[in-house]
């Protein structure tokens, strides 16, 4: 049996397990990155399922990633949210890294909001800014589409020209404007991690057109587009990238900034969801 065919079966088993707990069919899926996991606690009429209780669902061991799939209603919209994600640097395969996104789309979500914490590269960014992702650079050296393609998941060749949906981006812009939030725009570079980049690597990324850098998101976006979902990407600029801020980089700083900005980020999520619904 090939890898992609078994991946289809793996997704179907996970969907069946979730359906035993709830018949809810979400409109919008959310991947909640560092600092945003607590937003899932505000979902109404919620069904919370620990990843450990979903067959085939990989689990993260990174601080700040709770590890629950939450289905319910938020801002009048039926949603499913991942409280935390897994990363390639934990030793997970590309297929594991995108499994949660695939599961949420298979449950019915046709729109996906993917969030992350990122290091700022563009000089116009300040720590704590929120950035609307307009495009990305996949510099992980990996893709979840390697191997024999399973047509029931998506096409062999996926067009990534509009990886980040223009109409969804406009809804986020409208939501930010209504709240008086200054929303930055830029290109996100996804690297393997877990080490932070060197100053030379940041200079390289800047020359390549990257405005922010992180260790997630790009593979999830590829998988979502493979399955035909529309994607909105949002980054919280939690630190200045290596060589730009003068400080030693650490995960505690990332979490502290994400926590400080959380209320503004949550407000933007809410305003955007209302418009998506």
Protein backbone atom coordinates (compact mmCIF):
# COMPACT_ATOMS: atom_id res chain seq x y z
CA UNK A 1 0.00 0.00 0.00
CA UNK A 2 1.44 3.42 -0.90
CA UNK A 3 1.91 6.25 1.59
CA UNK A 4 -0.75 8.56 0.17
CA UNK A 5 -3.41 5.82 0.03
CA UNK A 6 -2.75 4.96 3.67
CA UNK A 7 -2.94 8.68 4.48
CA UNK A 8 -6.48 8.77 3.08
CA UNK A 9 -7.42 5.87 5.32
CA UNK A 10 -5.73 7.53 8.29
CA UNK A 11 -7.75 10.71 7.77
CA UNK A 12 -10.97 8.72 7.41
CA UNK A 13 -10.33 6.85 10.69
CA UNK A 14 -9.77 10.14 12.48
CA UNK A 15 -12.93 11.65 11.00
CA UNK A 16 -14.92 8.62 12.16
CA UNK A 17 -13.56 9.00 15.70
CA UNK A 18 -14.52 12.68 15.81
CA UNK A 19 -17.98 11.89 14.43
CA UNK A 20 -18.54 9.55 17.36
CA UNK A 21 -18.26 12.63 19.64
CA UNK A 22 -20.04 15.26 17.53
CA UNK A 23 -21.83 15.55 14.19
CA UNK A 24 -20.88 19.22 13.83
CA UNK A 25 -19.67 20.14 10.35
CA UNK A 26 -17.50 23.25 10.65
CA UNK A 27 -17.38 26.07 8.14
CA UNK A 28 -14.01 27.41 9.23
CA UNK A 29 -10.91 25.64 10.59
CA UNK A 30 -8.30 27.38 12.71
CA UNK A 31 -4.73 26.39 13.53
CA UNK A 32 -3.89 28.25 16.74
CA UNK A 33 -0.19 28.99 17.10
CA UNK A 34 1.87 30.04 20.11
CA UNK A 35 -0.08 32.23 22.52
CA UNK A 36 -3.46 31.75 20.85
CA UNK A 37 -4.41 28.33 22.19
CA UNK A 38 -6.55 29.86 24.93
CA UNK A 39 -8.86 31.35 22.29
CA UNK A 40 -10.33 27.89 21.84
CA UNK A 41 -11.62 28.13 25.43
CA UNK A 42 -14.06 30.82 24.23
CA UNK A 43 -15.70 28.56 21.65
CA UNK A 44 -19.36 27.98 22.56
CA UNK A 45 -21.22 24.66 22.61
CA UNK A 46 -17.77 23.12 22.45
CA UNK A 47 -16.69 19.52 22.05
CA UNK A 48 -13.03 19.15 23.11
CA UNK A 49 -11.13 16.07 22.04
CA UNK A 50 -7.53 15.51 23.17
CA UNK A 51 -5.26 14.60 20.27
CA UNK A 52 -4.39 11.38 22.11
CA UNK A 53 -8.01 10.23 21.66
CA UNK A 54 -7.99 10.70 17.87
CA UNK A 55 -6.44 7.74 16.00
CA UNK A 56 -3.44 8.76 13.93
CA UNK A 57 -3.31 12.30 15.34
CA UNK A 58 0.29 13.32 16.14
CA UNK A 59 0.98 15.15 19.41
CA UNK A 60 3.20 18.15 20.09
CA UNK A 61 5.55 18.45 23.03
CA UNK A 62 6.27 22.17 22.57
CA UNK A 63 5.40 24.53 25.43
CA UNK A 64 2.25 26.53 24.72
CA UNK A 65 0.58 23.89 22.51
CA UNK A 66 -2.24 22.26 24.53
CA UNK A 67 -3.10 19.48 22.10
CA UNK A 68 -6.89 19.50 21.70
CA UNK A 69 -9.26 19.54 18.75
CA UNK A 70 -12.18 21.81 19.61
CA UNK A 71 -15.43 21.97 17.65
CA UNK A 72 -18.18 24.49 18.37
CA UNK A 73 -19.38 27.96 17.48
CA UNK A 74 -17.54 31.29 17.51
CA UNK A 75 -18.88 34.65 16.30
CA UNK A 76 -21.93 32.86 14.92
CA UNK A 77 -19.76 30.58 12.78
CA UNK A 78 -19.38 26.80 13.10
CA UNK A 79 -15.66 26.20 13.68
CA UNK A 80 -13.06 23.58 14.44
CA UNK A 81 -9.78 24.63 16.02
CA UNK A 82 -6.45 22.99 16.74
CA UNK A 83 -5.02 24.00 20.11
CA UNK A 84 -1.43 23.56 19.08
CA UNK A 85 0.32 21.96 16.13
CA UNK A 86 3.20 19.59 15.56
CA UNK A 87 6.44 20.65 13.88
CA UNK A 88 8.97 19.03 11.60
CA UNK A 89 11.74 19.78 14.10
CA UNK A 90 10.09 17.51 16.66
CA UNK A 91 10.88 14.60 14.35
CA UNK A 92 7.46 14.47 12.70
CA UNK A 93 7.10 13.72 9.02
CA UNK A 94 5.63 16.29 6.61
CA UNK A 95 2.46 14.16 6.58
CA UNK A 96 2.24 14.38 10.38
CA UNK A 97 2.80 18.14 10.28
CA UNK A 98 -0.28 18.63 8.11
CA UNK A 99 -2.50 15.86 9.45
CA UNK A 100 -4.53 18.15 11.71
CA UNK A 101 -5.23 20.55 8.85
CA UNK A 102 -6.28 17.66 6.61
CA UNK A 103 -8.56 16.30 9.33
CA UNK A 104 -10.32 19.64 9.85
CA UNK A 105 -10.91 20.05 6.12
CA UNK A 106 -12.19 16.46 5.88
CA UNK A 107 -14.64 17.32 8.69
CA UNK A 108 -16.16 19.93 6.38
CA UNK A 109 -14.18 23.17 6.71
CA UNK A 110 -13.70 24.94 3.38
CA UNK A 111 -11.85 27.93 4.84
CA UNK A 112 -8.74 27.66 7.01
CA UNK A 113 -7.18 30.33 9.23
CA UNK A 114 -3.56 29.51 10.04
CA UNK A 115 -1.75 31.52 12.71
CA UNK A 116 1.80 31.55 13.96
CA UNK A 117 4.47 33.38 15.91
CA UNK A 118 7.21 34.76 13.70
CA UNK A 119 10.45 36.69 13.81
CA UNK A 120 10.34 40.06 12.11
CA UNK A 121 12.75 40.72 9.25
CA UNK A 122 11.25 43.80 7.59
CA UNK A 123 12.55 47.04 9.11
CA UNK A 124 9.01 48.46 9.22
CA UNK A 125 7.93 45.82 11.75
CA UNK A 126 7.91 46.27 15.51
CA UNK A 127 7.68 43.50 18.08
CA UNK A 128 4.00 42.85 18.72
CA UNK A 129 2.83 43.71 15.20
CA UNK A 130 0.29 41.49 13.45
CA UNK A 131 1.09 40.53 9.87
CA UNK A 132 -1.30 39.36 7.17
CA UNK A 133 0.54 36.71 5.14
CA UNK A 134 0.39 37.53 1.44
CA UNK A 135 2.70 34.75 0.24
CA UNK A 136 5.34 32.37 1.56
CA UNK A 137 8.72 30.82 0.92
CA UNK A 138 8.86 27.11 1.73
CA UNK A 139 12.48 26.67 2.77
CA UNK A 140 11.97 23.52 4.82
CA UNK A 141 13.18 21.37 1.94
CA UNK A 142 10.06 19.23 2.38
CA UNK A 143 6.48 18.95 1.15
CA UNK A 144 3.51 16.88 2.35
CA UNK A 145 2.82 15.97 -1.27
CA UNK A 146 5.84 13.71 -1.73
CA UNK A 147 5.06 10.19 -2.90
CA UNK A 148 2.25 8.74 -4.97
CA UNK A 149 -0.69 11.12 -5.11
CA UNK A 150 -4.09 10.01 -3.76
CA UNK A 151 -6.71 11.65 -5.97
CA UNK A 152 -9.33 11.55 -3.21
CA UNK A 153 -7.22 14.05 -1.24
CA UNK A 154 -6.36 16.36 -4.13
CA UNK A 155 -4.64 16.74 -7.51
CA UNK A 156 -1.09 15.67 -8.27
CA UNK A 157 0.03 19.22 -9.11
CA UNK A 158 -1.28 22.07 -6.95
CA UNK A 159 -1.38 25.68 -8.11
CA UNK A 160 0.04 27.91 -5.36
CA UNK A 161 -0.39 31.22 -7.21
CA UNK A 162 -3.10 32.28 -4.76
CA UNK A 163 -2.02 30.21 -1.75
CA UNK A 164 -3.39 32.94 0.54
CA UNK A 165 -6.89 33.82 -0.63
CA UNK A 166 -7.27 37.46 -1.70
CA UNK A 167 -10.94 37.70 -0.63
CA UNK A 168 -10.18 36.32 2.84
CA UNK A 169 -7.28 38.73 3.19
CA UNK A 170 -9.62 41.60 2.39
CA UNK A 171 -12.00 40.43 5.14
CA UNK A 172 -9.10 40.51 7.62
CA UNK A 173 -8.18 44.01 6.45
CA UNK A 174 -11.78 45.14 6.95
CA UNK A 175 -11.85 43.58 10.42
CA UNK A 176 -8.59 45.26 11.41
CA UNK A 177 -9.81 48.61 10.10
CA UNK A 178 -13.04 48.35 12.09
CA UNK A 179 -11.04 47.65 15.26
CA UNK A 180 -8.44 50.33 14.62
CA UNK A 181 -5.69 47.71 14.44
CA UNK A 182 -2.71 48.43 12.22
CA UNK A 183 -2.23 45.27 10.18
CA UNK A 184 1.09 44.70 8.47
CA UNK A 185 1.39 42.74 5.22
CA UNK A 186 4.24 40.53 4.12
CA UNK A 187 5.86 37.31 2.98
CA UNK A 188 6.45 34.52 5.51
CA UNK A 189 9.49 32.26 5.21
CA UNK A 190 9.05 28.79 6.69
CA UNK A 191 12.26 27.05 7.84
CA UNK A 192 12.85 23.69 9.48
CA UNK A 193 14.05 24.83 12.93
CA UNK A 194 14.38 24.30 15.85
CA UNK A 195 17.48 26.51 15.92
CA UNK A 196 16.84 30.17 15.26
CA UNK A 197 18.42 31.58 12.13
CA UNK A 198 21.89 33.10 12.01
CA UNK A 199 22.28 36.80 11.14
CA UNK A 200 23.69 35.73 7.76
CA UNK A 201 20.61 33.60 7.11
CA UNK A 202 18.36 36.54 7.99
CA UNK A 203 20.25 38.76 5.54
CA UNK A 204 19.75 36.04 2.91
CA UNK A 205 16.02 35.80 3.66
CA UNK A 206 15.68 39.57 3.43
CA UNK A 207 17.27 39.54 -0.02
CA UNK A 208 14.92 36.72 -1.04
CA UNK A 209 11.90 38.87 -0.18
CA UNK A 210 10.92 37.49 3.25
CA UNK A 211 9.38 39.87 5.77
CA UNK A 212 9.01 37.37 8.63
CA UNK A 213 10.34 33.92 9.46
CA UNK A 214 9.06 30.93 11.43
CA UNK A 215 9.03 27.15 11.76
CA UNK A 216 5.49 26.23 10.72
CA UNK A 217 2.55 27.10 8.44
CA UNK A 218 3.97 26.54 4.93
CA UNK A 219 3.32 22.79 4.81
CA UNK A 220 -0.17 23.23 6.29
CA UNK A 221 -0.97 25.76 3.58
CA UNK A 222 0.23 23.38 0.86
CA UNK A 223 -1.94 20.56 2.23
CA UNK A 224 -4.97 22.84 2.58
CA UNK A 225 -4.64 24.03 -0.99
CA UNK A 226 -4.16 20.41 -2.09
CA UNK A 227 -7.58 19.64 -0.61
CA UNK A 228 -9.17 22.73 -2.18
CA UNK A 229 -9.60 24.83 0.98
CA UNK A 230 -9.17 28.61 0.97
CA UNK A 231 -6.46 29.88 3.34
CA UNK A 232 -5.95 32.97 5.46
CA UNK A 233 -2.59 33.33 7.23
CA UNK A 234 -1.82 35.61 10.18
CA UNK A 235 1.49 36.05 12.02
CA UNK A 236 2.29 37.66 15.33
CA UNK A 237 5.74 39.28 15.17
CA UNK A 238 7.06 38.12 18.53
CA UNK A 239 10.72 39.12 18.16
CA UNK A 240 13.19 40.80 15.87
CA UNK A 241 15.04 38.18 13.81
CA UNK A 242 18.68 37.35 14.54
CA UNK A 243 21.07 40.25 14.11
CA UNK A 244 18.29 42.85 14.02
CA UNK A 245 17.31 43.31 17.64
CA UNK A 246 20.57 42.79 19.49
CA UNK A 247 19.00 40.38 22.00
CA UNK A 248 19.51 36.65 22.49
CA UNK A 249 16.58 34.76 20.99
CA UNK A 250 14.59 32.32 23.13
CA UNK A 251 11.17 30.66 23.18
CA UNK A 252 10.21 32.38 26.43
CA UNK A 253 10.39 35.76 24.68
CA UNK A 254 8.18 34.41 21.90
CA UNK A 255 5.56 33.24 24.40
CA UNK A 256 5.71 36.45 26.44
CA UNK A 257 5.12 38.62 23.39
CA UNK A 258 2.37 36.34 22.08
CA UNK A 259 0.65 36.54 25.47
CA UNK A 260 0.95 40.34 25.51
CA UNK A 261 -0.55 40.70 22.04
CA UNK A 262 -3.17 37.97 22.49
CA UNK A 263 -6.16 40.24 23.16
CA UNK A 264 -5.51 42.24 19.99
CA UNK A 265 -4.96 39.06 17.97
CA UNK A 266 -8.15 37.49 19.38
CA UNK A 267 -10.14 40.63 18.51
CA UNK A 268 -8.85 40.46 14.95
CA UNK A 269 -9.73 36.75 14.72
CA UNK A 270 -13.26 37.50 15.93
CA UNK A 271 -13.80 40.38 13.53
CA UNK A 272 -12.50 38.32 10.63
CA UNK A 273 -14.57 35.25 11.53
CA UNK A 274 -17.75 37.32 11.61
CA UNK A 275 -17.05 38.42 8.07
CA UNK A 276 -16.09 34.92 6.92
CA UNK A 277 -19.38 33.55 8.23
